[in-house]
Amino acid sequence: HTEQGPLTKMMKPGIGSYDKFKQMFEKYSLEAGKKQFLIPYFIAAHPGTSDEDMMNLAIWLKKNGFRADQVQTFYPSPMATATTMYHTNKNPLRKITRDSETVDIVRGDKRRRLHKAFLRYHDANNWPLLREALKAMGRADLIGNGKHHLIPTFQPMTDGAYVSARKKNSTTVALKPVTPVKGRILTQHTGLPPRDNGSGKPGGKPFARKAR
């Protein structure tokens, strides 16, 4: 993350440590004559993360030219300190008393989707949710069509569904129209015509595909 709130709950240093490492990485990669890239790993909805924290992370991502495709949303797992926070709303990294710190837990489908949407600020399917949230947070200044804005004012035609990278990169295979039979599900063994598997011939060997 980029913000101190969630970073302290993860027991990680500030984003300044990443900036220093990035400078060293680029310097020594250049000296070695290697073209290498850093890919930061971020998570959404981690205990201790506010909506403003995710907004600031999204701003940092855009400023630094990152467009995350597949992202992770926090989910409590056994034996993890963050899981204790999730279930108790307390921070076990410090002494727990009646008056100790209360940890902000991201619960509820809408709020979890919002945090993930901030990580994928560039996905047009997330823009309606982000516009609504930014206005409610008093940050409508981040909505516009300039380079300094986080999301645009216009909305392209989308089906509203998230499309994974794997699905985006997959080859669409055309199927022959099938006449449904009442009371029966057709398969290739019960009347469904053979699928065109990319060879141009039913049943032929498909073209080889390179991994991406």
N, C-alpha and C. Protein backbone atom coordinates (compact mmCIF):
# COMPACT_ATOMS: atom_id res chain seq x y z
N HIS A 1 0.84 -1.19 0.00
CA HIS A 1 0.00 0.00 0.00
C HIS A 1 0.88 1.24 0.00
N THR A 2 0.25 2.38 -0.11
CA THR A 2 1.00 3.63 -0.06
C THR A 2 0.74 4.41 1.23
N GLU A 3 -0.31 4.05 1.95
CA GLU A 3 -0.75 4.83 3.11
C GLU A 3 -0.34 4.16 4.43
N GLN A 4 -0.03 5.00 5.42
CA GLN A 4 0.47 4.51 6.70
C GLN A 4 -0.54 3.66 7.46
N GLY A 5 -1.83 3.97 7.35
CA GLY A 5 -2.84 3.21 8.08
C GLY A 5 -2.75 1.72 7.83
N PRO A 6 -2.96 1.27 6.60
CA PRO A 6 -2.85 -0.16 6.32
C PRO A 6 -1.42 -0.69 6.42
N LEU A 7 -0.41 0.13 6.10
CA LEU A 7 0.97 -0.34 6.14
C LEU A 7 1.38 -0.74 7.56
N THR A 8 0.95 0.01 8.56
CA THR A 8 1.30 -0.34 9.94
C THR A 8 0.64 -1.66 10.34
N LYS A 9 -0.55 -1.94 9.81
CA LYS A 9 -1.23 -3.20 10.12
C LYS A 9 -0.57 -4.37 9.40
N MET A 10 0.14 -4.09 8.32
CA MET A 10 0.86 -5.12 7.57
C MET A 10 2.29 -5.28 8.08
N MET A 11 2.69 -4.44 9.03
CA MET A 11 4.06 -4.42 9.55
C MET A 11 5.06 -4.14 8.43
N LYS A 12 4.71 -3.19 7.59
CA LYS A 12 5.57 -2.83 6.46
C LYS A 12 5.99 -1.36 6.55
N PRO A 13 7.15 -1.02 5.97
CA PRO A 13 7.62 0.37 6.00
C PRO A 13 6.81 1.25 5.07
N GLY A 14 7.06 2.54 5.13
CA GLY A 14 6.34 3.49 4.29
C GLY A 14 6.71 3.36 2.82
N ILE A 15 5.93 4.03 1.98
CA ILE A 15 6.14 3.95 0.53
C ILE A 15 7.48 4.54 0.13
N GLY A 16 8.07 5.34 1.01
CA GLY A 16 9.38 5.91 0.73
C GLY A 16 10.44 4.83 0.55
N SER A 17 10.28 3.70 1.23
CA SER A 17 11.22 2.59 1.08
C SER A 17 11.17 2.03 -0.34
N TYR A 18 9.95 1.98 -0.88
CA TYR A 18 9.81 1.52 -2.27
C TYR A 18 10.49 2.49 -3.22
N ASP A 19 10.30 3.79 -2.98
CA ASP A 19 10.90 4.80 -3.85
C ASP A 19 12.42 4.68 -3.87
N LYS A 20 13.02 4.45 -2.68
CA LYS A 20 14.47 4.31 -2.60
C LYS A 20 14.93 3.05 -3.32
N PHE A 21 14.20 1.95 -3.11
CA PHE A 21 14.56 0.70 -3.77
C PHE A 21 14.43 0.84 -5.28
N LYS A 22 13.39 1.55 -5.73
CA LYS A 22 13.17 1.75 -7.17
C LYS A 22 14.35 2.48 -7.80
N GLN A 23 14.86 3.50 -7.11
CA GLN A 23 16.01 4.25 -7.62
C GLN A 23 17.23 3.34 -7.76
N MET A 24 17.47 2.52 -6.73
CA MET A 24 18.60 1.59 -6.77
C MET A 24 18.42 0.54 -7.86
N PHE A 25 17.20 0.03 -7.97
CA PHE A 25 16.90 -1.01 -8.96
C PHE A 25 17.15 -0.50 -10.37
N GLU A 26 16.67 0.69 -10.67
CA GLU A 26 16.83 1.26 -12.00
C GLU A 26 18.29 1.59 -12.28
N LYS A 27 18.99 2.08 -11.26
CA LYS A 27 20.41 2.44 -11.42
C LYS A 27 21.25 1.22 -11.77
N TYR A 28 21.09 0.15 -10.99
CA TYR A 28 21.93 -1.03 -11.20
C TYR A 28 21.47 -1.86 -12.39
N SER A 29 20.20 -1.79 -12.73
CA SER A 29 19.73 -2.47 -13.95
C SER A 29 20.35 -1.82 -15.17
N LEU A 30 20.42 -0.47 -15.13
CA LEU A 30 21.04 0.28 -16.23
C LEU A 30 22.52 -0.05 -16.35
N GLU A 31 23.20 -0.10 -15.21
CA GLU A 31 24.63 -0.39 -15.21
C GLU A 31 24.90 -1.81 -15.72
N ALA A 32 23.97 -2.73 -15.46
CA ALA A 32 24.13 -4.11 -15.89
C ALA A 32 23.67 -4.32 -17.33
N GLY A 33 23.08 -3.27 -17.91
CA GLY A 33 22.60 -3.37 -19.28
C GLY A 33 21.38 -4.25 -19.44
N LYS A 34 20.57 -4.33 -18.38
CA LYS A 34 19.37 -5.17 -18.41
C LYS A 34 18.11 -4.31 -18.37
N LYS A 35 17.14 -4.70 -19.19
CA LYS A 35 15.86 -4.01 -19.20
C LYS A 35 14.91 -4.76 -18.27
N GLN A 36 14.78 -4.26 -17.06
CA GLN A 36 13.96 -4.92 -16.04
C GLN A 36 12.92 -3.95 -15.50
N PHE A 37 11.84 -4.52 -14.98
CA PHE A 37 10.73 -3.68 -14.50
C PHE A 37 10.28 -4.14 -13.12
N LEU A 38 9.87 -3.18 -12.31
CA LEU A 38 9.30 -3.47 -11.00
C LEU A 38 7.78 -3.56 -11.13
N ILE A 39 7.20 -4.57 -10.49
CA ILE A 39 5.75 -4.71 -10.48
C ILE A 39 5.29 -4.77 -9.03
N PRO A 40 4.87 -3.65 -8.45
CA PRO A 40 4.42 -3.64 -7.06
C PRO A 40 3.19 -4.53 -6.86
N TYR A 41 3.07 -5.08 -5.68
CA TYR A 41 1.95 -5.96 -5.33
C TYR A 41 1.09 -5.25 -4.30
N PHE A 42 -0.13 -4.92 -4.67
CA PHE A 42 -1.03 -4.21 -3.77
C PHE A 42 -2.25 -5.07 -3.43
N ILE A 43 -2.90 -4.73 -2.34
CA ILE A 43 -4.08 -5.48 -1.91
C ILE A 43 -5.18 -4.49 -1.51
N ALA A 44 -6.42 -4.87 -1.76
CA ALA A 44 -7.57 -4.03 -1.41
C ALA A 44 -8.26 -4.57 -0.17
N ALA A 45 -8.90 -3.69 0.58
CA ALA A 45 -9.76 -4.05 1.71
C ALA A 45 -9.01 -4.69 2.88
N HIS A 46 -7.72 -4.44 3.00
CA HIS A 46 -6.97 -4.97 4.15
C HIS A 46 -7.43 -4.25 5.42
N PRO A 47 -7.49 -4.95 6.58
CA PRO A 47 -7.86 -4.29 7.83
C PRO A 47 -7.04 -3.03 8.06
N GLY A 48 -7.71 -1.98 8.50
CA GLY A 48 -7.03 -0.71 8.74
C GLY A 48 -7.00 0.20 7.53
N THR A 49 -7.70 -0.18 6.46
CA THR A 49 -7.70 0.62 5.23
C THR A 49 -9.00 1.40 5.11
N SER A 50 -8.90 2.70 5.01
CA SER A 50 -10.08 3.55 4.83
C SER A 50 -10.36 3.75 3.35
N ASP A 51 -11.53 4.30 3.04
CA ASP A 51 -11.85 4.60 1.65
C ASP A 51 -10.87 5.64 1.10
N GLU A 52 -10.48 6.58 1.96
CA GLU A 52 -9.53 7.62 1.54
C GLU A 52 -8.16 7.01 1.24
N ASP A 53 -7.79 5.98 2.00
CA ASP A 53 -6.51 5.31 1.74
C ASP A 53 -6.50 4.70 0.34
N MET A 54 -7.61 4.06 -0.03
CA MET A 54 -7.69 3.44 -1.35
C MET A 54 -7.72 4.49 -2.45
N MET A 55 -8.38 5.61 -2.17
CA MET A 55 -8.40 6.70 -3.15
C MET A 55 -6.98 7.23 -3.38
N ASN A 56 -6.23 7.43 -2.30
CA ASN A 56 -4.86 7.92 -2.43
C ASN A 56 -3.97 6.91 -3.14
N LEU A 57 -4.21 5.62 -2.91
CA LEU A 57 -3.46 4.59 -3.63
C LEU A 57 -3.76 4.65 -5.12
N ALA A 58 -5.03 4.85 -5.47
CA ALA A 58 -5.42 4.94 -6.88
C ALA A 58 -4.74 6.14 -7.54
N ILE A 59 -4.68 7.25 -6.83
CA ILE A 59 -4.02 8.45 -7.36
C ILE A 59 -2.53 8.17 -7.59
N TRP A 60 -1.91 7.46 -6.63
CA TRP A 60 -0.49 7.10 -6.77
C TRP A 60 -0.28 6.18 -7.97
N LEU A 61 -1.18 5.20 -8.14
CA LEU A 61 -1.07 4.27 -9.26
C LEU A 61 -1.12 5.00 -10.60
N LYS A 62 -2.08 5.93 -10.72
CA LYS A 62 -2.21 6.66 -11.98
C LYS A 62 -1.00 7.57 -12.20
N LYS A 63 -0.55 8.22 -11.15
CA LYS A 63 0.60 9.11 -11.27
C LYS A 63 1.84 8.36 -11.73
N ASN A 64 1.97 7.10 -11.29
CA ASN A 64 3.15 6.31 -11.62
C ASN A 64 2.93 5.37 -12.81
N GLY A 65 1.78 5.53 -13.48
CA GLY A 65 1.54 4.79 -14.72
C GLY A 65 1.23 3.32 -14.56
N PHE A 66 0.67 2.92 -13.40
CA PHE A 66 0.33 1.52 -13.18
C PHE A 66 -1.15 1.29 -13.48
N ARG A 67 -1.43 0.20 -14.19
CA ARG A 67 -2.81 -0.22 -14.46
C ARG A 67 -2.94 -1.70 -14.09
N ALA A 68 -3.32 -1.95 -12.87
CA ALA A 68 -3.42 -3.33 -12.39
C ALA A 68 -4.58 -4.04 -13.08
N ASP A 69 -4.33 -5.27 -13.48
CA ASP A 69 -5.39 -6.06 -14.13
C ASP A 69 -5.99 -7.02 -13.12
N GLN A 70 -5.24 -8.03 -12.73
CA GLN A 70 -5.74 -8.97 -11.73
C GLN A 70 -5.27 -8.49 -10.36
N VAL A 71 -6.21 -8.21 -9.47
CA VAL A 71 -5.87 -7.69 -8.15
C VAL A 71 -6.46 -8.58 -7.07
N GLN A 72 -5.94 -8.47 -5.88
CA GLN A 72 -6.40 -9.27 -4.76
C GLN A 72 -7.14 -8.42 -3.75
N THR A 73 -8.25 -8.95 -3.26
CA THR A 73 -9.00 -8.33 -2.17
C THR A 73 -8.77 -9.17 -0.93
N PHE A 74 -8.51 -8.52 0.19
CA PHE A 74 -8.21 -9.24 1.43
C PHE A 74 -9.34 -10.19 1.81
N TYR A 75 -8.94 -11.39 2.23
CA TYR A 75 -9.88 -12.36 2.75
C TYR A 75 -9.21 -13.03 3.94
N PRO A 76 -9.87 -13.10 5.11
CA PRO A 76 -9.24 -13.66 6.30
C PRO A 76 -8.84 -15.12 6.11
N SER A 77 -7.60 -15.43 6.48
CA SER A 77 -7.10 -16.81 6.38
C SER A 77 -6.54 -17.22 7.74
N PRO A 78 -6.52 -18.51 8.04
CA PRO A 78 -6.07 -18.98 9.36
C PRO A 78 -4.65 -18.56 9.70
N MET A 79 -4.40 -18.32 10.99
CA MET A 79 -3.07 -18.05 11.54
C MET A 79 -2.47 -16.73 11.09
N ALA A 80 -3.28 -15.82 10.59
CA ALA A 80 -2.77 -14.52 10.15
C ALA A 80 -3.16 -13.42 11.15
N THR A 81 -2.23 -12.52 11.39
CA THR A 81 -2.50 -11.40 12.31
C THR A 81 -3.67 -10.56 11.80
N ALA A 82 -3.72 -10.36 10.48
CA ALA A 82 -4.80 -9.56 9.90
C ALA A 82 -6.15 -10.22 10.12
N THR A 83 -6.19 -11.55 10.20
CA THR A 83 -7.44 -12.26 10.46
C THR A 83 -7.94 -11.95 11.86
N THR A 84 -7.03 -11.84 12.81
CA THR A 84 -7.40 -11.46 14.18
C THR A 84 -8.02 -10.08 14.18
N MET A 85 -7.42 -9.16 13.42
CA MET A 85 -7.98 -7.81 13.31
C MET A 85 -9.38 -7.85 12.71
N TYR A 86 -9.52 -8.67 11.67
CA TYR A 86 -10.80 -8.76 10.95
C TYR A 86 -11.92 -9.20 11.89
N HIS A 87 -11.66 -10.16 12.76
CA HIS A 87 -12.71 -10.72 13.60
C HIS A 87 -12.90 -9.98 14.93
N THR A 88 -11.89 -9.23 15.37
CA THR A 88 -11.98 -8.56 16.68
C THR A 88 -12.07 -7.05 16.60
N ASN A 89 -11.73 -6.49 15.45
CA ASN A 89 -11.66 -5.03 15.29
C ASN A 89 -10.57 -4.41 16.18
N LYS A 90 -9.65 -5.24 16.66
CA LYS A 90 -8.56 -4.77 17.50
C LYS A 90 -7.22 -5.08 16.84
N ASN A 91 -6.18 -4.37 17.28
CA ASN A 91 -4.85 -4.53 16.72
C ASN A 91 -3.98 -5.34 17.69
N PRO A 92 -3.75 -6.63 17.40
CA PRO A 92 -2.95 -7.46 18.31
C PRO A 92 -1.47 -7.12 18.29
N LEU A 93 -1.05 -6.23 17.42
CA LEU A 93 0.35 -5.83 17.38
C LEU A 93 0.67 -4.87 18.52
N ARG A 94 -0.37 -4.39 19.21
CA ARG A 94 -0.20 -3.52 20.36
C ARG A 94 -0.98 -4.10 21.53
N LYS A 95 -0.68 -3.63 22.73
CA LYS A 95 -1.38 -4.11 23.91
C LYS A 95 -2.87 -3.79 23.79
N ILE A 96 -3.69 -4.80 24.01
CA ILE A 96 -5.13 -4.63 23.86
C ILE A 96 -5.77 -4.34 25.22
N THR A 97 -6.46 -3.21 25.29
CA THR A 97 -7.20 -2.82 26.49
C THR A 97 -8.60 -2.40 26.07
N ARG A 98 -9.40 -2.04 27.04
CA ARG A 98 -10.76 -1.59 26.74
C ARG A 98 -10.76 -0.36 25.86
N ASP A 99 -9.74 0.48 26.02
CA ASP A 99 -9.67 1.73 25.27
C ASP A 99 -8.67 1.69 24.11
N SER A 100 -8.19 0.50 23.75
CA SER A 100 -7.19 0.41 22.68
C SER A 100 -7.80 0.71 21.32
N GLU A 101 -6.91 0.87 20.36
CA GLU A 101 -7.29 1.25 19.00
C GLU A 101 -8.31 0.31 18.37
N THR A 102 -9.29 0.89 17.71
CA THR A 102 -10.26 0.11 16.94
C THR A 102 -9.85 0.13 15.47
N VAL A 103 -9.71 -1.06 14.89
CA VAL A 103 -9.25 -1.18 13.52
C VAL A 103 -10.45 -1.12 12.57
N ASP A 104 -10.32 -0.28 11.54
CA ASP A 104 -11.36 -0.16 10.53
C ASP A 104 -11.35 -1.42 9.66
N ILE A 105 -12.46 -2.16 9.67
CA ILE A 105 -12.57 -3.39 8.90
C ILE A 105 -13.48 -3.16 7.71
N VAL A 106 -13.01 -3.55 6.54
CA VAL A 106 -13.78 -3.36 5.31
C VAL A 106 -14.72 -4.54 5.13
N ARG A 107 -15.97 -4.35 5.50
CA ARG A 107 -16.97 -5.40 5.37
C ARG A 107 -18.08 -4.93 4.43
N GLY A 108 -18.87 -5.87 3.98
CA GLY A 108 -19.98 -5.52 3.09
C GLY A 108 -19.54 -5.54 1.64
N ASP A 109 -20.39 -6.09 0.80
CA ASP A 109 -20.03 -6.27 -0.60
C ASP A 109 -19.74 -4.95 -1.31
N LYS A 110 -20.56 -3.93 -1.03
CA LYS A 110 -20.39 -2.66 -1.74
C LYS A 110 -19.06 -2.01 -1.42
N ARG A 111 -18.70 -2.00 -0.13
CA ARG A 111 -17.45 -1.34 0.24
C ARG A 111 -16.24 -2.14 -0.24
N ARG A 112 -16.32 -3.45 -0.21
CA ARG A 112 -15.22 -4.27 -0.71
C ARG A 112 -15.05 -4.08 -2.22
N ARG A 113 -16.18 -3.97 -2.93
CA ARG A 113 -16.11 -3.72 -4.37
C ARG A 113 -15.51 -2.35 -4.65
N LEU A 114 -15.82 -1.38 -3.79
CA LEU A 114 -15.28 -0.03 -3.97
C LEU A 114 -13.76 -0.04 -3.83
N HIS A 115 -13.26 -0.72 -2.82
CA HIS A 115 -11.82 -0.75 -2.61
C HIS A 115 -11.11 -1.43 -3.78
N LYS A 116 -11.72 -2.49 -4.29
CA LYS A 116 -11.14 -3.16 -5.45
C LYS A 116 -11.23 -2.26 -6.69
N ALA A 117 -12.33 -1.50 -6.79
CA ALA A 117 -12.52 -0.60 -7.93
C ALA A 117 -11.44 0.49 -7.95
N PHE A 118 -11.03 0.96 -6.77
CA PHE A 118 -9.96 1.96 -6.72
C PHE A 118 -8.66 1.39 -7.28
N LEU A 119 -8.39 0.12 -7.01
CA LEU A 119 -7.19 -0.50 -7.56
C LEU A 119 -7.28 -0.61 -9.07
N ARG A 120 -8.52 -0.75 -9.58
CA ARG A 120 -8.73 -0.84 -11.03
C ARG A 120 -9.46 0.41 -11.51
N TYR A 121 -8.90 1.55 -11.18
CA TYR A 121 -9.51 2.85 -11.51
C TYR A 121 -9.66 3.04 -13.01
N HIS A 122 -8.86 2.33 -13.81
CA HIS A 122 -8.85 2.51 -15.26
C HIS A 122 -9.93 1.69 -15.95
N ASP A 123 -10.61 0.81 -15.23
CA ASP A 123 -11.66 -0.04 -15.81
C ASP A 123 -12.97 0.75 -15.87
N ALA A 124 -13.49 0.96 -17.07
CA ALA A 124 -14.71 1.76 -17.25
C ALA A 124 -15.90 1.19 -16.49
N ASN A 125 -15.91 -0.13 -16.26
CA ASN A 125 -17.01 -0.72 -15.52
C ASN A 125 -17.04 -0.26 -14.07
N ASN A 126 -15.92 0.24 -13.57
CA ASN A 126 -15.84 0.72 -12.18
C ASN A 126 -16.15 2.20 -12.03
N TRP A 127 -16.21 2.92 -13.13
CA TRP A 127 -16.36 4.37 -13.05
C TRP A 127 -17.66 4.84 -12.38
N PRO A 128 -18.82 4.23 -12.65
CA PRO A 128 -20.04 4.69 -11.97
C PRO A 128 -19.92 4.58 -10.45
N LEU A 129 -19.38 3.46 -9.96
CA LEU A 129 -19.21 3.27 -8.52
C LEU A 129 -18.21 4.27 -7.95
N LEU A 130 -17.14 4.52 -8.68
CA LEU A 130 -16.12 5.46 -8.20
C LEU A 130 -16.64 6.90 -8.21
N ARG A 131 -17.42 7.26 -9.23
CA ARG A 131 -17.98 8.62 -9.27
C ARG A 131 -18.87 8.86 -8.05
N GLU A 132 -19.72 7.90 -7.77
CA GLU A 132 -20.63 8.01 -6.62
C GLU A 132 -19.85 8.16 -5.32
N ALA A 133 -18.80 7.35 -5.17
CA ALA A 133 -17.99 7.38 -3.95
C ALA A 133 -17.21 8.68 -3.82
N LEU A 134 -16.59 9.13 -4.91
CA LEU A 134 -15.79 10.35 -4.87
C LEU A 134 -16.64 11.56 -4.53
N LYS A 135 -17.85 11.61 -5.05
CA LYS A 135 -18.75 12.72 -4.72
C LYS A 135 -19.12 12.68 -3.24
N ALA A 136 -19.40 11.47 -2.73
CA ALA A 136 -19.75 11.33 -1.32
C ALA A 136 -18.58 11.68 -0.41
N MET A 137 -17.36 11.47 -0.89
CA MET A 137 -16.15 11.77 -0.11
C MET A 137 -15.72 13.22 -0.26
N GLY A 138 -16.45 14.00 -1.05
CA GLY A 138 -16.10 15.39 -1.27
C GLY A 138 -14.91 15.57 -2.19
N ARG A 139 -14.66 14.57 -3.06
CA ARG A 139 -13.52 14.63 -3.98
C ARG A 139 -13.98 14.57 -5.43
N ALA A 140 -15.04 15.30 -5.72
CA ALA A 140 -15.52 15.37 -7.10
C ALA A 140 -14.50 16.04 -8.01
N ASP A 141 -13.50 16.70 -7.41
CA ASP A 141 -12.45 17.33 -8.21
C ASP A 141 -11.58 16.30 -8.94
N LEU A 142 -11.70 15.03 -8.55
CA LEU A 142 -10.94 13.98 -9.22
C LEU A 142 -11.68 13.40 -10.41
N ILE A 143 -12.89 13.92 -10.67
CA ILE A 143 -13.68 13.46 -11.81
C ILE A 143 -13.58 14.49 -12.93
N GLY A 144 -13.06 14.11 -14.05
CA GLY A 144 -12.91 15.03 -15.16
C GLY A 144 -12.13 14.38 -16.29
N ASN A 145 -11.90 15.12 -17.33
CA ASN A 145 -11.28 14.55 -18.52
C ASN A 145 -9.83 15.02 -18.73
N GLY A 146 -9.24 15.57 -17.67
CA GLY A 146 -7.85 16.00 -17.77
C GLY A 146 -6.90 14.94 -17.26
N LYS A 147 -5.61 15.13 -17.47
CA LYS A 147 -4.61 14.15 -17.06
C LYS A 147 -4.52 14.04 -15.55
N HIS A 148 -4.86 15.12 -14.85
CA HIS A 148 -4.75 15.11 -13.40
C HIS A 148 -5.99 14.52 -12.72
N HIS A 149 -7.01 14.19 -13.50
CA HIS A 149 -8.21 13.57 -12.94
C HIS A 149 -8.03 12.06 -12.84
N LEU A 150 -8.73 11.46 -11.87
CA LEU A 150 -8.63 10.01 -11.68
C LEU A 150 -9.52 9.25 -12.66
N ILE A 151 -10.75 9.69 -12.82
CA ILE A 151 -11.68 9.05 -13.76
C ILE A 151 -12.40 10.12 -14.57
N PRO A 152 -12.84 9.79 -15.78
CA PRO A 152 -13.51 10.78 -16.64
C PRO A 152 -14.98 10.97 -16.31
N THR A 153 -15.56 11.99 -16.92
CA THR A 153 -16.98 12.28 -16.72
C THR A 153 -17.85 11.44 -17.66
N PHE A 154 -17.30 11.03 -18.81
CA PHE A 154 -18.08 10.26 -19.78
C PHE A 154 -18.08 8.79 -19.42
N GLN A 155 -19.06 8.06 -19.92
CA GLN A 155 -19.16 6.62 -19.66
C GLN A 155 -19.34 5.87 -20.97
N PRO A 156 -18.37 5.07 -21.39
CA PRO A 156 -18.51 4.30 -22.63
C PRO A 156 -19.53 3.18 -22.45
N MET A 157 -19.95 2.62 -23.55
CA MET A 157 -20.91 1.53 -23.51
C MET A 157 -20.22 0.27 -23.01
N THR A 158 -20.64 -0.24 -21.85
CA THR A 158 -20.11 -1.49 -21.30
C THR A 158 -21.26 -2.31 -20.79
N ASP A 159 -21.00 -3.60 -20.56
CA ASP A 159 -22.06 -4.45 -20.05
C ASP A 159 -22.08 -4.47 -18.53
N GLY A 160 -21.16 -3.70 -17.92
CA GLY A 160 -21.14 -3.62 -16.47
C GLY A 160 -20.46 -4.78 -15.78
N ALA A 161 -19.90 -5.69 -16.53
CA ALA A 161 -19.29 -6.86 -15.94
C ALA A 161 -17.77 -6.78 -15.99
N TYR A 162 -17.12 -7.36 -14.98
CA TYR A 162 -15.66 -7.40 -14.97
C TYR A 162 -15.19 -8.52 -15.90
N VAL A 163 -14.21 -8.22 -16.73
CA VAL A 163 -13.65 -9.20 -17.64
C VAL A 163 -12.21 -9.45 -17.25
N SER A 164 -11.87 -10.67 -16.89
CA SER A 164 -10.51 -10.99 -16.45
C SER A 164 -9.55 -10.93 -17.62
N ALA A 165 -8.26 -10.83 -17.29
CA ALA A 165 -7.23 -10.78 -18.34
C ALA A 165 -7.24 -12.05 -19.16
N ARG A 166 -7.47 -13.18 -18.50
CA ARG A 166 -7.48 -14.45 -19.21
C ARG A 166 -8.59 -14.47 -20.25
N LYS A 167 -9.77 -13.94 -19.87
CA LYS A 167 -10.89 -13.94 -20.81
C LYS A 167 -10.67 -12.95 -21.93
N LYS A 168 -10.04 -11.80 -21.60
CA LYS A 168 -9.76 -10.79 -22.61
C LYS A 168 -8.82 -11.33 -23.68
N ASN A 169 -7.84 -12.11 -23.25
CA ASN A 169 -6.81 -12.59 -24.16
C ASN A 169 -7.16 -13.89 -24.85
N SER A 170 -8.30 -14.49 -24.48
CA SER A 170 -8.66 -15.76 -25.07
C SER A 170 -9.23 -15.56 -26.47
N THR A 171 -9.13 -16.57 -27.30
CA THR A 171 -9.64 -16.51 -28.67
C THR A 171 -11.10 -16.93 -28.69
N THR A 172 -11.94 -16.12 -29.29
CA THR A 172 -13.35 -16.44 -29.37
C THR A 172 -13.57 -17.50 -30.45
N VAL A 173 -14.27 -18.55 -30.09
CA VAL A 173 -14.54 -19.63 -31.03
C VAL A 173 -16.00 -19.59 -31.44
N ALA A 174 -16.23 -19.48 -32.74
CA ALA A 174 -17.60 -19.42 -33.24
C ALA A 174 -18.22 -20.80 -33.23
N LEU A 175 -19.45 -20.88 -32.75
CA LEU A 175 -20.17 -22.15 -32.72
C LEU A 175 -21.31 -22.11 -33.72
N LYS A 176 -21.60 -23.25 -34.29
CA LYS A 176 -22.72 -23.33 -35.22
C LYS A 176 -24.02 -23.25 -34.44
N PRO A 177 -25.05 -22.61 -35.02
CA PRO A 177 -26.32 -22.50 -34.31
C PRO A 177 -26.90 -23.89 -34.02
N VAL A 178 -27.48 -24.01 -32.84
CA VAL A 178 -28.03 -25.30 -32.42
C VAL A 178 -29.52 -25.14 -32.15
N THR A 179 -30.30 -26.03 -32.67
CA THR A 179 -31.73 -26.01 -32.40
C THR A 179 -32.00 -26.76 -31.11
N PRO A 180 -32.52 -26.08 -30.07
CA PRO A 180 -32.74 -26.75 -28.80
C PRO A 180 -33.80 -27.84 -28.92
N VAL A 181 -33.61 -28.88 -28.14
CA VAL A 181 -34.58 -29.98 -28.09
C VAL A 181 -35.26 -29.93 -26.74
N LYS A 182 -36.54 -29.85 -26.74
CA LYS A 182 -37.31 -29.72 -25.51
C LYS A 182 -37.04 -30.90 -24.59
N GLY A 183 -36.70 -30.57 -23.33
CA GLY A 183 -36.53 -31.60 -22.34
C GLY A 183 -35.20 -32.32 -22.41
N ARG A 184 -34.26 -31.84 -23.24
CA ARG A 184 -32.99 -32.54 -23.37
C ARG A 184 -31.87 -31.52 -23.58
N ILE A 185 -30.73 -31.73 -22.94
CA ILE A 185 -29.56 -30.88 -23.12
C ILE A 185 -28.66 -31.52 -24.16
N LEU A 186 -28.39 -30.80 -25.23
CA LEU A 186 -27.59 -31.35 -26.30
C LEU A 186 -26.10 -31.32 -25.97
N THR A 187 -25.40 -32.38 -26.31
CA THR A 187 -23.95 -32.44 -26.23
C THR A 187 -23.44 -32.94 -27.57
N GLN A 188 -22.13 -33.05 -27.74
CA GLN A 188 -21.58 -33.56 -28.99
C GLN A 188 -21.96 -35.02 -29.21
N HIS A 189 -22.40 -35.68 -28.14
CA HIS A 189 -22.79 -37.09 -28.26
C HIS A 189 -24.30 -37.25 -28.47
N THR A 190 -25.04 -36.15 -28.33
CA THR A 190 -26.50 -36.26 -28.46
C THR A 190 -27.07 -35.25 -29.43
N GLY A 191 -26.31 -34.92 -30.47
CA GLY A 191 -26.87 -34.06 -31.50
C GLY A 191 -26.22 -32.72 -31.67
N LEU A 192 -25.31 -32.33 -30.76
CA LEU A 192 -24.62 -31.05 -30.89
C LEU A 192 -23.55 -31.17 -31.95
N PRO A 193 -23.50 -30.27 -32.95
CA PRO A 193 -22.49 -30.36 -34.00
C PRO A 193 -21.10 -30.17 -33.42
N PRO A 194 -20.06 -30.77 -34.02
CA PRO A 194 -18.68 -30.63 -33.54
C PRO A 194 -18.28 -29.17 -33.52
N ARG A 195 -17.52 -28.79 -32.50
CA ARG A 195 -17.08 -27.40 -32.35
C ARG A 195 -15.90 -27.12 -33.26
N ASP A 196 -15.93 -25.92 -33.86
CA ASP A 196 -14.79 -25.47 -34.66
C ASP A 196 -13.70 -25.07 -33.67
N ASN A 197 -12.64 -25.86 -33.59
CA ASN A 197 -11.63 -25.64 -32.56
C ASN A 197 -10.46 -24.76 -33.01
N GLY A 198 -10.64 -24.03 -34.09
CA GLY A 198 -9.59 -23.11 -34.52
C GLY A 198 -8.81 -23.60 -35.72
N SER A 199 -9.03 -24.86 -36.11
CA SER A 199 -8.30 -25.38 -37.25
C SER A 199 -8.98 -25.06 -38.57
N GLY A 200 -10.25 -24.64 -38.47
CA GLY A 200 -11.03 -24.39 -39.68
C GLY A 200 -11.77 -25.64 -40.12
N LYS A 201 -11.48 -26.76 -39.46
CA LYS A 201 -12.14 -28.02 -39.78
C LYS A 201 -12.67 -28.65 -38.50
N PRO A 202 -13.92 -29.09 -38.51
CA PRO A 202 -14.45 -29.77 -37.33
C PRO A 202 -13.60 -30.99 -37.00
N GLY A 203 -13.13 -31.06 -35.76
CA GLY A 203 -12.36 -32.22 -35.33
C GLY A 203 -10.89 -32.15 -35.68
N GLY A 204 -10.46 -31.12 -36.45
CA GLY A 204 -9.06 -31.01 -36.82
C GLY A 204 -8.22 -30.50 -35.66
N LYS A 205 -6.89 -30.57 -35.82
CA LYS A 205 -6.02 -30.08 -34.76
C LYS A 205 -6.04 -28.56 -34.73
N PRO A 206 -6.17 -27.99 -33.55
CA PRO A 206 -6.20 -26.52 -33.45
C PRO A 206 -4.84 -25.92 -33.73
N PHE A 207 -4.86 -24.63 -34.09
CA PHE A 207 -3.61 -23.93 -34.30
C PHE A 207 -2.86 -23.84 -32.97
N ALA A 208 -1.56 -23.86 -33.00
CA ALA A 208 -0.78 -23.72 -31.79
C ALA A 208 -0.87 -22.29 -31.29
N ARG A 209 -0.97 -22.14 -29.99
CA ARG A 209 -1.06 -20.80 -29.39
C ARG A 209 0.14 -20.60 -28.46
N LYS A 210 0.72 -19.44 -28.53
CA LYS A 210 1.83 -19.11 -27.67
C LYS A 210 1.31 -18.55 -26.37
N ALA A 211 1.99 -18.90 -25.28
CA ALA A 211 1.62 -18.36 -23.96
C ALA A 211 1.90 -16.88 -23.93
N ARG A 212 1.04 -16.15 -23.24
CA ARG A 212 1.22 -14.71 -23.16
C ARG A 212 1.67 -14.31 -21.75
